[in-house]
Amino acid sequence: IEVEGIADKSLDLSAVKELKRIFNKEKPDI
């Protein structure tokens, strides 16, 4: 799964929002 905003950086608030959406949808255990 490719995500904008995380390239070579540890923290990006816009990426947090997109990643949370993905994790809520996909529901990984870890």
All heavy atoms as atom14 arrays in JSON, in Angstrom:
{
  "sequence": "IEVEGIADKSLDLSAVKELKRIFNKEKPDI",
  "atom14_mask": [
    [1, 1, 1, 1, 1, 1, 1, 1, 0, 0, 0, 0, 0, 0],
    [1, 1, 1, 1, 1, 1, 1, 1, 1, 0, 0, 0, 0, 0],
    [1, 1, 1, 1, 1, 1, 1, 0, 0, 0, 0, 0, 0, 0],
    [1, 1, 1, 1, 1, 1, 1, 1, 1, 0, 0, 0, 0, 0],
    [1, 1, 1, 1, 0, 0, 0, 0, 0, 0, 0, 0, 0, 0],
    [1, 1, 1, 1, 1, 1, 1, 1, 0, 0, 0, 0, 0, 0],
    [1, 1, 1, 1, 1, 0, 0, 0, 0, 0, 0, 0, 0, 0],
    [1, 1, 1, 1, 1, 1, 1, 1, 0, 0, 0, 0, 0, 0],
    [1, 1, 1, 1, 1, 1, 1, 1, 1, 0, 0, 0, 0, 0],
    [1, 1, 1, 1, 1, 1, 0, 0, 0, 0, 0, 0, 0, 0],
    [1, 1, 1, 1, 1, 1, 1, 1, 0, 0, 0, 0, 0, 0],
    [1, 1, 1, 1, 1, 1, 1, 1, 0, 0, 0, 0, 0, 0],
    [1, 1, 1, 1, 1, 1, 1, 1, 0, 0, 0, 0, 0, 0],
    [1, 1, 1, 1, 1, 1, 0, 0, 0, 0, 0, 0, 0, 0],
    [1, 1, 1, 1, 1, 0, 0, 0, 0, 0, 0, 0, 0, 0],
    [1, 1, 1, 1, 1, 1, 1, 0, 0, 0, 0, 0, 0, 0],
    [1, 1, 1, 1, 1, 1, 1, 1, 1, 0, 0, 0, 0, 0],
    [1, 1, 1, 1, 1, 1, 1, 1, 1, 0, 0, 0, 0, 0],
    [1, 1, 1, 1, 1, 1, 1, 1, 0, 0, 0, 0, 0, 0],
    [1, 1, 1, 1, 1, 1, 1, 1, 1, 0, 0, 0, 0, 0],
    [1, 1, 1, 1, 1, 1, 1, 1, 1, 1, 1, 0, 0, 0],
    [1, 1, 1, 1, 1, 1, 1, 1, 0, 0, 0, 0, 0, 0],
    [1, 1, 1, 1, 1, 1, 1, 1, 1, 1, 1, 0, 0, 0],
    [1, 1, 1, 1, 1, 1, 1, 1, 0, 0, 0, 0, 0, 0],
    [1, 1, 1, 1, 1, 1, 1, 1, 1, 0, 0, 0, 0, 0],
    [1, 1, 1, 1, 1, 1, 1, 1, 1, 0, 0, 0, 0, 0],
    [1, 1, 1, 1, 1, 1, 1, 1, 1, 0, 0, 0, 0, 0],
    [1, 1, 1, 1, 1, 1, 1, 0, 0, 0, 0, 0, 0, 0],
    [1, 1, 1, 1, 1, 1, 1, 1, 0, 0, 0, 0, 0, 0],
    [1, 1, 1, 1, 1, 1, 1, 1, 0, 0, 0, 0, 0, 0]
  ],
  "atom14_positions": [
    [[0.87, -1.18, 0.0], [0.0, 0.0, 0.0], [0.91, 1.23, 0.0], [1.77, 1.37, 0.87], [-0.91, 0.03, 1.24], [-1.84, -1.18, 1.24], [-1.72, 1.32, 1.28], [-2.7, -1.3, 2.49], [0.0, 0.0, 0.0], [0.0, 0.0, 0.0], [0.0, 0.0, 0.0], [0.0, 0.0, 0.0], [0.0, 0.0, 0.0], [0.0, 0.0, 0.0]],
    [[0.74, 2.1, -1.01], [1.56, 3.3, -1.09], [0.84, 4.48, -0.44], [-0.37, 4.65, -0.59], [1.86, 3.63, -2.55], [2.75, 2.6, -3.23], [3.1, 2.98, -4.65], [2.19, 2.94, -5.5], [4.27, 3.35, -4.91], [0.0, 0.0, 0.0], [0.0, 0.0, 0.0], [0.0, 0.0, 0.0], [0.0, 0.0, 0.0], [0.0, 0.0, 0.0]],
    [[1.63, 5.3, 0.27], [1.05, 6.42, 1.02], [1.87, 7.69, 0.74], [3.1, 7.66, 0.73], [1.06, 6.12, 2.54], [0.53, 7.32, 3.32], [0.22, 4.89, 2.83], [0.0, 0.0, 0.0], [0.0, 0.0, 0.0], [0.0, 0.0, 0.0], [0.0, 0.0, 0.0], [0.0, 0.0, 0.0], [0.0, 0.0, 0.0], [0.0, 0.0, 0.0]],
    [[1.15, 8.78, 0.51], [1.8, 10.08, 0.36], [2.23, 10.61, 1.73], [1.6, 10.32, 2.75], [0.83, 11.09, -0.27], [0.36, 10.74, -1.66], [1.36, 11.16, -2.74], [2.47, 11.6, -2.37], [1.02, 11.02, -3.92], [0.0, 0.0, 0.0], [0.0, 0.0, 0.0], [0.0, 0.0, 0.0], [0.0, 0.0, 0.0], [0.0, 0.0, 0.0]],
    [[3.31, 11.39, 1.75], [3.66, 12.14, 2.95], [4.61, 11.46, 3.92], [5.04, 12.07, 4.89], [0.0, 0.0, 0.0], [0.0, 0.0, 0.0], [0.0, 0.0, 0.0], [0.0, 0.0, 0.0], [0.0, 0.0, 0.0], [0.0, 0.0, 0.0], [0.0, 0.0, 0.0], [0.0, 0.0, 0.0], [0.0, 0.0, 0.0], [0.0, 0.0, 0.0]],
    [[4.95, 10.17, 3.66], [5.85, 9.5, 4.61], [7.26, 9.33, 4.05], [8.13, 8.76, 4.72], [5.3, 8.12, 5.02], [5.22, 7.15, 3.84], [3.93, 8.26, 5.68], [4.88, 5.72, 4.24], [0.0, 0.0, 0.0], [0.0, 0.0, 0.0], [0.0, 0.0, 0.0], [0.0, 0.0, 0.0], [0.0, 0.0, 0.0], [0.0, 0.0, 0.0]],
    [[7.5, 9.81, 2.84], [8.78, 9.58, 2.18], [9.94, 10.22, 2.94], [10.04, 11.44, 3.06], [8.75, 10.12, 0.74], [0.0, 0.0, 0.0], [0.0, 0.0, 0.0], [0.0, 0.0, 0.0], [0.0, 0.0, 0.0], [0.0, 0.0, 0.0], [0.0, 0.0, 0.0], [0.0, 0.0, 0.0], [0.0, 0.0, 0.0], [0.0, 0.0, 0.0]],
    [[10.81, 9.35, 3.46], [12.06, 9.78, 4.11], [11.84, 10.78, 5.24], [12.69, 11.63, 5.49], [13.03, 10.35, 3.07], [13.41, 9.34, 2.02], [13.61, 8.16, 2.37], [13.47, 9.7, 0.83], [0.0, 0.0, 0.0], [0.0, 0.0, 0.0], [0.0, 0.0, 0.0], [0.0, 0.0, 0.0], [0.0, 0.0, 0.0], [0.0, 0.0, 0.0]],
    [[10.72, 10.68, 5.91], [10.48, 11.53, 7.07], [9.72, 10.74, 8.13], [8.92, 9.87, 7.82], [9.74, 12.81, 6.69], [8.33, 12.6, 6.19], [7.58, 13.92, 6.02], [8.03, 14.66, 4.78], [7.14, 15.82, 4.49], [0.0, 0.0, 0.0], [0.0, 0.0, 0.0], [0.0, 0.0, 0.0], [0.0, 0.0, 0.0], [0.0, 0.0, 0.0]],
    [[9.98, 11.07, 9.37], [9.35, 10.34, 10.46], [7.93, 10.83, 10.74], [7.04, 10.03, 11.0], [10.19, 10.45, 11.73], [9.58, 9.78, 12.8], [0.0, 0.0, 0.0], [0.0, 0.0, 0.0], [0.0, 0.0, 0.0], [0.0, 0.0, 0.0], [0.0, 0.0, 0.0], [0.0, 0.0, 0.0], [0.0, 0.0, 0.0], [0.0, 0.0, 0.0]],
    [[7.73, 12.15, 10.69], [6.44, 12.69, 11.1], [5.88, 13.66, 10.07], [6.56, 14.6, 9.65], [6.57, 13.41, 12.44], [5.3, 14.04, 13.02], [4.24, 12.98, 13.26], [5.6, 14.79, 14.3], [0.0, 0.0, 0.0], [0.0, 0.0, 0.0], [0.0, 0.0, 0.0], [0.0, 0.0, 0.0], [0.0, 0.0, 0.0], [0.0, 0.0, 0.0]],
    [[4.64, 13.42, 9.66], [3.89, 14.31, 8.77], [2.42, 14.17, 9.16], [1.84, 13.08, 9.08], [4.11, 13.93, 7.31], [3.41, 14.88, 6.36], [2.17, 14.88, 6.34], [4.1, 15.6, 5.63], [0.0, 0.0, 0.0], [0.0, 0.0, 0.0], [0.0, 0.0, 0.0], [0.0, 0.0, 0.0], [0.0, 0.0, 0.0], [0.0, 0.0, 0.0]],
    [[1.81, 15.27, 9.61], [0.45, 15.19, 10.14], [-0.57, 14.77, 9.1], [-1.53, 14.06, 9.41], [0.06, 16.54, 10.76], [0.87, 16.95, 12.0], [0.4, 18.29, 12.53], [0.79, 15.88, 13.09], [0.0, 0.0, 0.0], [0.0, 0.0, 0.0], [0.0, 0.0, 0.0], [0.0, 0.0, 0.0], [0.0, 0.0, 0.0], [0.0, 0.0, 0.0]],
    [[-0.36, 15.17, 7.84], [-1.29, 14.75, 6.79], [-1.19, 13.24, 6.57], [-2.19, 12.56, 6.27], [-1.0, 15.5, 5.49], [0.3, 15.18, 4.99], [0.0, 0.0, 0.0], [0.0, 0.0, 0.0], [0.0, 0.0, 0.0], [0.0, 0.0, 0.0], [0.0, 0.0, 0.0], [0.0, 0.0, 0.0], [0.0, 0.0, 0.0], [0.0, 0.0, 0.0]],
    [[0.02, 12.7, 6.73], [0.21, 11.26, 6.57], [-0.45, 10.5, 7.71], [-0.96, 9.39, 7.51], [1.7, 10.93, 6.51], [0.0, 0.0, 0.0], [0.0, 0.0, 0.0], [0.0, 0.0, 0.0], [0.0, 0.0, 0.0], [0.0, 0.0, 0.0], [0.0, 0.0, 0.0], [0.0, 0.0, 0.0], [0.0, 0.0, 0.0], [0.0, 0.0, 0.0]],
    [[-0.44, 11.08, 8.91], [-1.09, 10.44, 10.05], [-2.58, 10.2, 9.74], [-3.11, 9.11, 9.99], [-0.95, 11.29, 11.33], [-1.81, 10.72, 12.46], [0.51, 11.38, 11.76], [0.0, 0.0, 0.0], [0.0, 0.0, 0.0], [0.0, 0.0, 0.0], [0.0, 0.0, 0.0], [0.0, 0.0, 0.0], [0.0, 0.0, 0.0], [0.0, 0.0, 0.0]],
    [[-3.23, 11.2, 9.17], [-4.65, 11.1, 8.85], [-4.9, 9.99, 7.83], [-5.82, 9.17, 8.0], [-5.16, 12.43, 8.3], [-6.64, 12.46, 7.99], [-7.08, 13.84, 7.51], [-8.57, 13.85, 7.18], [-9.01, 15.19, 6.69], [0.0, 0.0, 0.0], [0.0, 0.0, 0.0], [0.0, 0.0, 0.0], [0.0, 0.0, 0.0], [0.0, 0.0, 0.0]],
    [[-4.08, 9.92, 6.78], [-4.26, 8.91, 5.75], [-3.96, 7.51, 6.29], [-4.67, 6.54, 6.0], [-3.36, 9.22, 4.55], [-3.34, 8.17, 3.45], [-4.7, 7.94, 2.8], [-5.65, 8.72, 3.05], [-4.83, 6.96, 2.05], [0.0, 0.0, 0.0], [0.0, 0.0, 0.0], [0.0, 0.0, 0.0], [0.0, 0.0, 0.0], [0.0, 0.0, 0.0]],
    [[-2.9, 7.4, 7.08], [-2.55, 6.1, 7.65], [-3.64, 5.6, 8.61], [-3.98, 4.41, 8.61], [-1.21, 6.2, 8.39], [0.04, 6.3, 7.48], [1.23, 6.78, 8.28], [0.34, 4.95, 6.82], [0.0, 0.0, 0.0], [0.0, 0.0, 0.0], [0.0, 0.0, 0.0], [0.0, 0.0, 0.0], [0.0, 0.0, 0.0], [0.0, 0.0, 0.0]],
    [[-4.2, 6.51, 9.39], [-5.27, 6.12, 10.31], [-6.48, 5.61, 9.53], [-7.12, 4.62, 9.92], [-5.66, 7.31, 11.2], [-6.72, 6.98, 12.26], [-6.89, 8.16, 13.21], [-7.92, 7.84, 14.29], [-9.29, 7.8, 13.77], [0.0, 0.0, 0.0], [0.0, 0.0, 0.0], [0.0, 0.0, 0.0], [0.0, 0.0, 0.0], [0.0, 0.0, 0.0]],
    [[-6.77, 6.26, 8.41], [-7.88, 5.81, 7.57], [-7.62, 4.39, 7.07], [-8.52, 3.53, 7.09], [-8.05, 6.77, 6.38], [-9.24, 6.43, 5.47], [-9.19, 7.19, 4.17], [-8.09, 6.78, 3.33], [-8.07, 5.66, 2.6], [-9.11, 4.83, 2.63], [-7.03, 5.36, 1.86], [0.0, 0.0, 0.0], [0.0, 0.0, 0.0], [0.0, 0.0, 0.0]],
    [[-6.39, 4.14, 6.63], [-6.02, 2.81, 6.12], [-6.12, 1.76, 7.22], [-6.68, 0.67, 7.03], [-4.6, 2.84, 5.52], [-4.58, 3.68, 4.24], [-4.09, 1.42, 5.24], [-3.2, 4.0, 3.72], [0.0, 0.0, 0.0], [0.0, 0.0, 0.0], [0.0, 0.0, 0.0], [0.0, 0.0, 0.0], [0.0, 0.0, 0.0], [0.0, 0.0, 0.0]],
    [[-5.59, 2.09, 8.39], [-5.59, 1.11, 9.49], [-7.01, 0.84, 9.98], [-7.34, -0.3, 10.32], [-4.72, 1.6, 10.64], [-3.26, 1.77, 10.28], [-2.46, 2.7, 10.95], [-2.67, 1.01, 9.29], [-1.13, 2.87, 10.63], [-1.33, 1.17, 8.95], [-0.56, 2.1, 9.62], [0.0, 0.0, 0.0], [0.0, 0.0, 0.0], [0.0, 0.0, 0.0]],
    [[-7.84, 1.86, 10.0], [-9.24, 1.65, 10.4], [-9.97, 0.74, 9.42], [-10.79, -0.1, 9.8], [-9.97, 2.99, 10.5], [-9.71, 3.7, 11.82], [-9.51, 3.06, 12.85], [-9.7, 5.02, 11.8], [0.0, 0.0, 0.0], [0.0, 0.0, 0.0], [0.0, 0.0, 0.0], [0.0, 0.0, 0.0], [0.0, 0.0, 0.0], [0.0, 0.0, 0.0]],
    [[-9.63, 0.9, 8.14], [-10.27, 0.08, 7.1], [-9.74, -1.35, 7.1], [-10.51, -2.31, 7.01], [-10.04, 0.73, 5.73], [-10.6, -0.08, 4.57], [-10.23, 0.56, 3.23], [-10.7, -0.31, 2.07], [-10.27, 0.25, 0.75], [0.0, 0.0, 0.0], [0.0, 0.0, 0.0], [0.0, 0.0, 0.0], [0.0, 0.0, 0.0], [0.0, 0.0, 0.0]],
    [[-8.42, -1.5, 7.19], [-7.79, -2.8, 7.04], [-7.75, -3.61, 8.34], [-7.64, -4.83, 8.31], [-6.35, -2.62, 6.52], [-6.26, -1.96, 5.15], [-6.5, -2.95, 4.03], [-6.47, -4.17, 4.3], [-6.71, -2.51, 2.89], [0.0, 0.0, 0.0], [0.0, 0.0, 0.0], [0.0, 0.0, 0.0], [0.0, 0.0, 0.0], [0.0, 0.0, 0.0]],
    [[-7.76, -2.91, 9.47], [-7.77, -3.54, 10.79], [-6.63, -4.55, 11.01], [-6.87, -5.73, 11.36], [-9.12, -4.21, 11.04], [-10.27, -3.23, 11.15], [-11.59, -3.92, 11.42], [-12.69, -2.92, 11.75], [-12.78, -1.78, 10.81], [0.0, 0.0, 0.0], [0.0, 0.0, 0.0], [0.0, 0.0, 0.0], [0.0, 0.0, 0.0], [0.0, 0.0, 0.0]],
    [[-5.38, -4.11, 10.85], [-4.27, -5.0, 11.19], [-4.21, -5.23, 12.71], [-4.58, -4.35, 13.49], [-3.04, -4.24, 10.7], [-3.44, -2.8, 10.73], [-4.91, -2.8, 10.38], [0.0, 0.0, 0.0], [0.0, 0.0, 0.0], [0.0, 0.0, 0.0], [0.0, 0.0, 0.0], [0.0, 0.0, 0.0], [0.0, 0.0, 0.0], [0.0, 0.0, 0.0]],
    [[-3.74, -6.39, 13.11], [-3.53, -6.66, 14.54], [-2.31, -5.9, 15.05], [-2.32, -5.37, 16.17], [-3.32, -8.16, 14.77], [-4.53, -8.97, 14.34], [-5.62, -8.73, 14.9], [-4.39, -9.81, 13.44], [0.0, 0.0, 0.0], [0.0, 0.0, 0.0], [0.0, 0.0, 0.0], [0.0, 0.0, 0.0], [0.0, 0.0, 0.0], [0.0, 0.0, 0.0]],
    [[-1.26, -5.88, 14.21], [0.0, -5.24, 14.59], [0.46, -4.32, 13.46], [0.44, -4.7, 12.29], [1.1, -6.28, 14.85], [0.73, -7.17, 16.05], [2.46, -5.61, 15.09], [1.67, -8.35, 16.23], [0.0, 0.0, 0.0], [0.0, 0.0, 0.0], [0.0, 0.0, 0.0], [0.0, 0.0, 0.0], [0.0, 0.0, 0.0], [0.0, 0.0, 0.0]]
  ]
}
